[in-house]
C-alpha cells in the first residue's frame, strides 16, 4: 500500500489477489448535480511498478491504464467491468473515462435521476 491503510492508499498489491489503483468515477445527476465515487480498479500487476514510478512525477499527467472495477457500485453493480483510466487533474487520482461494458459506459456518459441515485446510497 502507498498509505498506512487501504482507505488512505492510492495503490496496493495484495498477495494472491492482485494489484489495484484508486480512481474517481464521476456520475452526472439530474438537476445539475453529480456524485463521484472512489473506486478500486484491478490492473495488471506488471503495470503497477510503472504506475508507481510516474505517480508523483510530471509524467503522471499522461498516465492511461486499463483495468476492471474491483468493487460494486450501488445501485448498478458493475463488479469486474472493464474500464479505462486517465488523469484529468495531476493533483487527483485518475478518473474512469470509458468502458466497453454497456452498463458502465452508460454510467459514465448519461445523466441519472439524482433522487433515485442518492436514495440508493448507503
N, C-alpha and C. Protein backbone atom coordinates (compact mmCIF):
# COMPACT_ATOMS: atom_id res chain seq x y z
N UNK A 1 0.84 -1.19 0.00
CA UNK A 1 0.00 0.00 0.00
C UNK A 1 0.88 1.24 0.00
N UNK A 2 0.33 2.28 -0.58
CA UNK A 2 1.07 3.54 -0.58
C UNK A 2 0.78 4.39 0.64
N UNK A 3 -0.16 3.97 1.47
CA UNK A 3 -0.51 4.68 2.69
C UNK A 3 -0.61 3.71 3.84
N UNK A 4 -0.87 4.22 5.05
CA UNK A 4 -0.94 3.34 6.22
C UNK A 4 -2.14 2.38 6.21
N UNK A 5 -3.22 2.75 5.49
CA UNK A 5 -4.39 1.89 5.38
C UNK A 5 -4.88 1.89 3.94
N UNK A 6 -5.75 0.95 3.61
CA UNK A 6 -6.32 0.90 2.26
C UNK A 6 -7.10 2.17 1.95
N UNK A 7 -7.80 2.72 2.94
CA UNK A 7 -8.58 3.94 2.71
C UNK A 7 -7.71 5.15 2.42
N UNK A 8 -6.47 5.12 2.86
CA UNK A 8 -5.56 6.25 2.64
C UNK A 8 -4.57 5.99 1.50
N UNK A 9 -4.68 4.87 0.84
CA UNK A 9 -3.75 4.49 -0.22
C UNK A 9 -4.31 4.80 -1.60
N UNK A 10 -3.42 5.01 -2.56
CA UNK A 10 -3.83 5.20 -3.95
C UNK A 10 -3.44 3.99 -4.81
N UNK A 11 -2.60 3.14 -4.27
CA UNK A 11 -2.20 1.90 -4.95
C UNK A 11 -1.97 0.84 -3.90
N UNK A 12 -2.21 -0.40 -4.29
CA UNK A 12 -1.85 -1.50 -3.40
C UNK A 12 -1.76 -2.79 -4.19
N UNK A 13 -0.97 -3.70 -3.66
CA UNK A 13 -0.87 -5.05 -4.22
C UNK A 13 -1.13 -6.02 -3.08
N UNK A 14 -2.04 -6.95 -3.31
CA UNK A 14 -2.43 -7.92 -2.30
C UNK A 14 -1.98 -9.28 -2.80
N UNK A 15 -1.08 -9.93 -2.05
CA UNK A 15 -0.57 -11.24 -2.45
C UNK A 15 -1.71 -12.21 -2.69
N UNK A 16 -1.67 -12.87 -3.83
CA UNK A 16 -2.67 -13.86 -4.17
C UNK A 16 -3.98 -13.28 -4.66
N UNK A 17 -4.11 -11.94 -4.67
CA UNK A 17 -5.36 -11.31 -5.10
C UNK A 17 -5.13 -10.44 -6.34
N UNK A 18 -4.18 -9.51 -6.28
CA UNK A 18 -3.90 -8.67 -7.43
C UNK A 18 -3.39 -7.30 -7.08
N UNK A 19 -3.28 -6.46 -8.11
CA UNK A 19 -2.79 -5.09 -7.99
C UNK A 19 -3.95 -4.14 -8.26
N UNK A 20 -3.98 -3.04 -7.51
CA UNK A 20 -5.12 -2.14 -7.58
C UNK A 20 -4.67 -0.68 -7.55
N UNK A 21 -5.43 0.15 -8.26
CA UNK A 21 -5.20 1.59 -8.29
C UNK A 21 -6.51 2.26 -7.92
N UNK A 22 -6.43 3.28 -7.10
CA UNK A 22 -7.62 4.06 -6.73
C UNK A 22 -7.97 4.96 -7.91
N UNK A 23 -9.27 5.14 -8.15
CA UNK A 23 -9.72 6.01 -9.23
C UNK A 23 -11.01 6.71 -8.82
N UNK A 24 -11.34 7.76 -9.55
CA UNK A 24 -12.57 8.51 -9.33
C UNK A 24 -13.54 8.19 -10.46
N UNK A 25 -14.79 7.95 -10.10
CA UNK A 25 -15.81 7.63 -11.08
C UNK A 25 -16.96 8.65 -10.94
N UNK A 26 -16.97 9.67 -11.82
CA UNK A 26 -18.00 10.70 -11.72
C UNK A 26 -19.29 10.25 -12.39
N UNK A 27 -20.42 10.62 -11.79
CA UNK A 27 -21.73 10.31 -12.34
C UNK A 27 -22.54 11.61 -12.39
N UNK A 28 -23.00 11.96 -13.59
CA UNK A 28 -23.83 13.16 -13.75
C UNK A 28 -25.25 12.84 -13.30
N UNK A 29 -25.80 13.73 -12.49
CA UNK A 29 -27.16 13.56 -11.99
C UNK A 29 -28.05 14.69 -12.50
N UNK A 30 -29.33 14.43 -12.53
CA UNK A 30 -30.29 15.44 -12.97
C UNK A 30 -30.24 16.66 -12.04
N UNK A 31 -30.72 17.76 -12.55
CA UNK A 31 -30.76 18.99 -11.76
C UNK A 31 -29.41 19.66 -11.60
N UNK A 32 -28.43 19.26 -12.41
CA UNK A 32 -27.10 19.86 -12.31
C UNK A 32 -26.24 19.28 -11.20
N UNK A 33 -26.68 18.21 -10.57
CA UNK A 33 -25.93 17.56 -9.50
C UNK A 33 -24.97 16.52 -10.08
N UNK A 34 -24.06 16.09 -9.25
CA UNK A 34 -23.17 14.98 -9.61
C UNK A 34 -22.71 14.29 -8.32
N UNK A 35 -22.27 13.09 -8.49
CA UNK A 35 -21.67 12.34 -7.39
C UNK A 35 -20.42 11.67 -7.95
N UNK A 36 -19.37 11.63 -7.16
CA UNK A 36 -18.13 10.98 -7.60
C UNK A 36 -17.80 9.88 -6.62
N UNK A 37 -17.67 8.68 -7.15
CA UNK A 37 -17.33 7.51 -6.34
C UNK A 37 -15.83 7.30 -6.36
N UNK A 38 -15.26 6.96 -5.21
CA UNK A 38 -13.89 6.48 -5.15
C UNK A 38 -13.93 4.98 -5.31
N UNK A 39 -13.25 4.46 -6.31
CA UNK A 39 -13.27 3.02 -6.59
C UNK A 39 -11.85 2.47 -6.66
N UNK A 40 -11.76 1.17 -6.50
CA UNK A 40 -10.51 0.46 -6.77
C UNK A 40 -10.64 -0.18 -8.13
N UNK A 41 -9.56 -0.11 -8.91
CA UNK A 41 -9.51 -0.73 -10.23
C UNK A 41 -8.38 -1.75 -10.22
N UNK A 42 -8.74 -2.99 -10.56
CA UNK A 42 -7.73 -4.04 -10.68
C UNK A 42 -6.96 -3.82 -11.97
N UNK A 43 -5.63 -3.80 -11.87
CA UNK A 43 -4.77 -3.61 -13.03
C UNK A 43 -3.81 -4.78 -13.13
N UNK A 44 -3.22 -4.93 -14.29
CA UNK A 44 -2.21 -5.97 -14.48
C UNK A 44 -1.06 -5.69 -13.50
N UNK A 45 -0.70 -6.68 -12.66
CA UNK A 45 0.38 -6.45 -11.69
C UNK A 45 1.68 -5.95 -12.32
N UNK A 46 1.94 -6.32 -13.57
CA UNK A 46 3.17 -5.85 -14.22
C UNK A 46 3.11 -4.34 -14.50
N UNK A 47 1.93 -3.75 -14.52
CA UNK A 47 1.77 -2.31 -14.73
C UNK A 47 1.97 -1.49 -13.47
N UNK A 48 1.80 -2.11 -12.31
CA UNK A 48 1.82 -1.35 -11.06
C UNK A 48 3.14 -0.64 -10.82
N UNK A 49 4.24 -1.27 -11.15
CA UNK A 49 5.55 -0.63 -10.95
C UNK A 49 5.67 0.61 -11.82
N UNK A 50 5.21 0.54 -13.07
CA UNK A 50 5.26 1.71 -13.97
C UNK A 50 4.39 2.84 -13.40
N UNK A 51 3.21 2.50 -12.92
CA UNK A 51 2.31 3.49 -12.34
C UNK A 51 2.98 4.14 -11.13
N UNK A 52 3.57 3.33 -10.26
CA UNK A 52 4.23 3.84 -9.06
C UNK A 52 5.37 4.79 -9.44
N UNK A 53 6.12 4.46 -10.48
CA UNK A 53 7.26 5.28 -10.88
C UNK A 53 6.86 6.66 -11.39
N UNK A 54 5.68 6.80 -12.00
CA UNK A 54 5.29 8.10 -12.56
C UNK A 54 4.29 8.85 -11.68
N UNK A 55 3.73 8.21 -10.67
CA UNK A 55 2.62 8.80 -9.91
C UNK A 55 2.94 10.20 -9.38
N UNK A 56 4.12 10.43 -8.87
CA UNK A 56 4.47 11.71 -8.26
C UNK A 56 5.41 12.53 -9.15
N UNK A 57 5.41 12.24 -10.45
CA UNK A 57 6.26 12.96 -11.40
C UNK A 57 5.39 13.66 -12.45
N UNK A 58 5.97 14.57 -13.22
CA UNK A 58 5.20 15.25 -14.27
C UNK A 58 4.57 14.29 -15.29
N UNK A 59 5.20 13.14 -15.51
CA UNK A 59 4.67 12.16 -16.47
C UNK A 59 3.31 11.61 -16.06
N UNK A 60 2.97 11.78 -14.78
CA UNK A 60 1.68 11.30 -14.28
C UNK A 60 0.53 11.89 -15.09
N UNK A 61 0.65 13.12 -15.55
CA UNK A 61 -0.42 13.78 -16.29
C UNK A 61 -0.81 13.03 -17.56
N UNK A 62 0.08 12.20 -18.10
CA UNK A 62 -0.21 11.43 -19.32
C UNK A 62 -0.56 9.97 -19.02
N UNK A 63 -0.72 9.62 -17.76
CA UNK A 63 -0.99 8.23 -17.39
C UNK A 63 -2.34 7.76 -17.92
N UNK A 64 -2.35 6.61 -18.58
CA UNK A 64 -3.56 5.92 -19.00
C UNK A 64 -3.41 4.46 -18.61
N UNK A 65 -4.47 3.88 -18.10
CA UNK A 65 -4.46 2.49 -17.66
C UNK A 65 -5.75 1.81 -18.07
N UNK A 66 -5.66 0.50 -18.20
CA UNK A 66 -6.84 -0.31 -18.44
C UNK A 66 -6.94 -1.31 -17.30
N UNK A 67 -8.14 -1.51 -16.82
CA UNK A 67 -8.34 -2.46 -15.73
C UNK A 67 -9.80 -2.85 -15.61
N UNK A 68 -10.15 -3.31 -14.42
CA UNK A 68 -11.51 -3.78 -14.15
C UNK A 68 -11.96 -3.25 -12.79
N UNK A 69 -13.21 -2.80 -12.71
CA UNK A 69 -13.72 -2.34 -11.42
C UNK A 69 -13.58 -3.45 -10.40
N UNK A 70 -13.02 -3.13 -9.26
CA UNK A 70 -12.77 -4.13 -8.22
C UNK A 70 -13.77 -4.04 -7.08
N UNK A 71 -14.73 -3.15 -7.19
CA UNK A 71 -15.81 -3.11 -6.20
C UNK A 71 -17.11 -2.76 -6.90
N UNK A 72 -18.21 -3.15 -6.28
CA UNK A 72 -19.53 -2.90 -6.85
C UNK A 72 -19.94 -1.46 -6.56
N UNK A 73 -20.77 -0.93 -7.43
CA UNK A 73 -21.32 0.41 -7.25
C UNK A 73 -22.82 0.31 -7.05
N UNK A 74 -23.30 0.78 -5.92
CA UNK A 74 -24.74 0.79 -5.64
C UNK A 74 -25.37 1.94 -6.42
N UNK A 75 -26.41 1.75 -7.15
CA UNK A 75 -27.24 0.56 -7.31
C UNK A 75 -26.95 -0.24 -8.57
N UNK A 76 -25.84 0.01 -9.25
CA UNK A 76 -25.59 -0.58 -10.57
C UNK A 76 -24.85 -1.91 -10.55
N UNK A 77 -24.10 -2.20 -9.51
CA UNK A 77 -23.26 -3.40 -9.52
C UNK A 77 -21.96 -3.11 -10.25
N UNK A 78 -21.78 -3.73 -11.40
CA UNK A 78 -20.66 -3.49 -12.33
C UNK A 78 -19.31 -4.04 -11.88
N UNK A 79 -19.28 -4.91 -10.88
CA UNK A 79 -18.02 -5.55 -10.48
C UNK A 79 -17.39 -6.22 -11.70
N UNK A 80 -16.11 -6.02 -11.88
CA UNK A 80 -15.30 -6.58 -12.96
C UNK A 80 -15.56 -5.96 -14.33
N UNK A 81 -16.29 -4.86 -14.39
CA UNK A 81 -16.50 -4.19 -15.67
C UNK A 81 -15.18 -3.58 -16.13
N UNK A 82 -14.82 -3.75 -17.40
CA UNK A 82 -13.58 -3.16 -17.90
C UNK A 82 -13.69 -1.63 -17.91
N UNK A 83 -12.56 -0.98 -17.63
CA UNK A 83 -12.57 0.49 -17.56
C UNK A 83 -11.20 1.03 -17.97
N UNK A 84 -11.24 2.18 -18.62
CA UNK A 84 -10.01 2.89 -18.98
C UNK A 84 -9.90 4.10 -18.06
N UNK A 85 -8.71 4.28 -17.49
CA UNK A 85 -8.43 5.39 -16.57
C UNK A 85 -7.51 6.40 -17.24
N UNK A 86 -7.69 7.65 -16.87
CA UNK A 86 -6.80 8.70 -17.32
C UNK A 86 -6.78 9.83 -16.30
N UNK A 87 -5.78 10.67 -16.39
CA UNK A 87 -5.61 11.77 -15.44
C UNK A 87 -6.26 13.02 -16.01
N UNK A 88 -7.19 13.59 -15.26
CA UNK A 88 -7.81 14.87 -15.63
C UNK A 88 -7.13 16.03 -14.93
N UNK A 89 -6.68 15.76 -13.71
CA UNK A 89 -6.05 16.78 -12.87
C UNK A 89 -4.88 16.11 -12.16
N UNK A 90 -3.65 16.56 -12.41
CA UNK A 90 -2.48 15.91 -11.81
C UNK A 90 -2.47 15.91 -10.28
N UNK A 91 -3.32 16.70 -9.64
CA UNK A 91 -3.37 16.69 -8.18
C UNK A 91 -4.39 15.69 -7.64
N UNK A 92 -5.05 14.95 -8.54
CA UNK A 92 -6.06 13.97 -8.13
C UNK A 92 -5.71 12.59 -8.66
N UNK A 93 -6.39 11.58 -8.10
CA UNK A 93 -6.23 10.23 -8.63
C UNK A 93 -6.84 10.19 -10.03
N UNK A 94 -6.52 9.16 -10.82
CA UNK A 94 -7.07 9.08 -12.18
C UNK A 94 -8.59 8.95 -12.15
N UNK A 95 -9.20 9.30 -13.27
CA UNK A 95 -10.64 9.19 -13.44
C UNK A 95 -10.97 8.00 -14.34
N UNK A 96 -12.12 7.41 -14.09
CA UNK A 96 -12.67 6.41 -15.00
C UNK A 96 -13.20 7.21 -16.20
N UNK A 97 -12.66 6.91 -17.38
CA UNK A 97 -13.00 7.70 -18.57
C UNK A 97 -13.97 6.99 -19.50
N UNK A 98 -13.80 5.69 -19.69
CA UNK A 98 -14.63 4.97 -20.65
C UNK A 98 -14.63 3.49 -20.32
N UNK A 99 -15.57 2.80 -20.98
CA UNK A 99 -15.67 1.35 -20.77
C UNK A 99 -16.33 0.70 -21.97
N UNK A 100 -15.93 -0.53 -22.26
CA UNK A 100 -16.58 -1.35 -23.28
C UNK A 100 -17.85 -2.00 -22.72
N UNK A 101 -18.02 -1.97 -21.41
CA UNK A 101 -19.19 -2.54 -20.77
C UNK A 101 -20.36 -1.56 -20.95
N UNK A 102 -21.47 -2.00 -21.54
CA UNK A 102 -22.58 -1.08 -21.79
C UNK A 102 -23.10 -0.40 -20.52
N UNK A 103 -23.19 -1.12 -19.42
CA UNK A 103 -23.69 -0.53 -18.18
C UNK A 103 -22.76 0.53 -17.63
N UNK A 104 -21.46 0.25 -17.61
CA UNK A 104 -20.51 1.24 -17.11
C UNK A 104 -20.39 2.41 -18.08
N UNK A 105 -20.43 2.13 -19.37
CA UNK A 105 -20.40 3.22 -20.34
C UNK A 105 -21.58 4.16 -20.13
N UNK A 106 -22.77 3.60 -19.91
CA UNK A 106 -23.95 4.42 -19.65
C UNK A 106 -23.77 5.24 -18.38
N UNK A 107 -23.21 4.63 -17.35
CA UNK A 107 -23.00 5.33 -16.09
C UNK A 107 -22.07 6.53 -16.28
N UNK A 108 -21.07 6.37 -17.13
CA UNK A 108 -20.08 7.43 -17.37
C UNK A 108 -20.57 8.51 -18.33
N UNK A 109 -21.54 8.20 -19.17
CA UNK A 109 -21.90 9.14 -20.23
C UNK A 109 -23.31 9.71 -20.14
N UNK A 110 -24.20 9.06 -19.38
CA UNK A 110 -25.58 9.51 -19.32
C UNK A 110 -25.85 10.27 -18.02
N UNK A 111 -26.98 10.94 -17.99
CA UNK A 111 -27.43 11.63 -16.79
C UNK A 111 -28.43 10.74 -16.06
N UNK A 112 -28.31 10.69 -14.73
CA UNK A 112 -29.15 9.81 -13.92
C UNK A 112 -29.99 10.65 -12.97
N UNK A 113 -31.16 10.15 -12.61
CA UNK A 113 -32.04 10.84 -11.68
C UNK A 113 -31.38 11.00 -10.32
N UNK A 114 -31.20 12.24 -9.87
CA UNK A 114 -30.44 12.46 -8.64
C UNK A 114 -31.12 11.87 -7.42
N UNK A 115 -32.44 11.96 -7.32
CA UNK A 115 -33.12 11.41 -6.14
C UNK A 115 -32.99 9.89 -6.09
N UNK A 116 -33.15 9.26 -7.24
CA UNK A 116 -33.05 7.79 -7.31
C UNK A 116 -31.66 7.32 -6.89
N UNK A 117 -30.63 7.97 -7.40
CA UNK A 117 -29.26 7.57 -7.10
C UNK A 117 -28.92 7.87 -5.64
N UNK A 118 -29.21 9.08 -5.18
CA UNK A 118 -28.86 9.44 -3.81
C UNK A 118 -29.62 8.60 -2.79
N UNK A 119 -30.87 8.24 -3.08
CA UNK A 119 -31.64 7.39 -2.18
C UNK A 119 -31.07 5.98 -2.08
N UNK A 120 -30.37 5.52 -3.13
CA UNK A 120 -29.81 4.17 -3.13
C UNK A 120 -28.47 4.07 -2.41
N UNK A 121 -27.85 5.22 -2.13
CA UNK A 121 -26.54 5.21 -1.48
C UNK A 121 -26.68 4.89 0.00
N UNK A 122 -25.65 4.19 0.55
CA UNK A 122 -25.70 3.85 1.98
C UNK A 122 -25.61 5.08 2.87
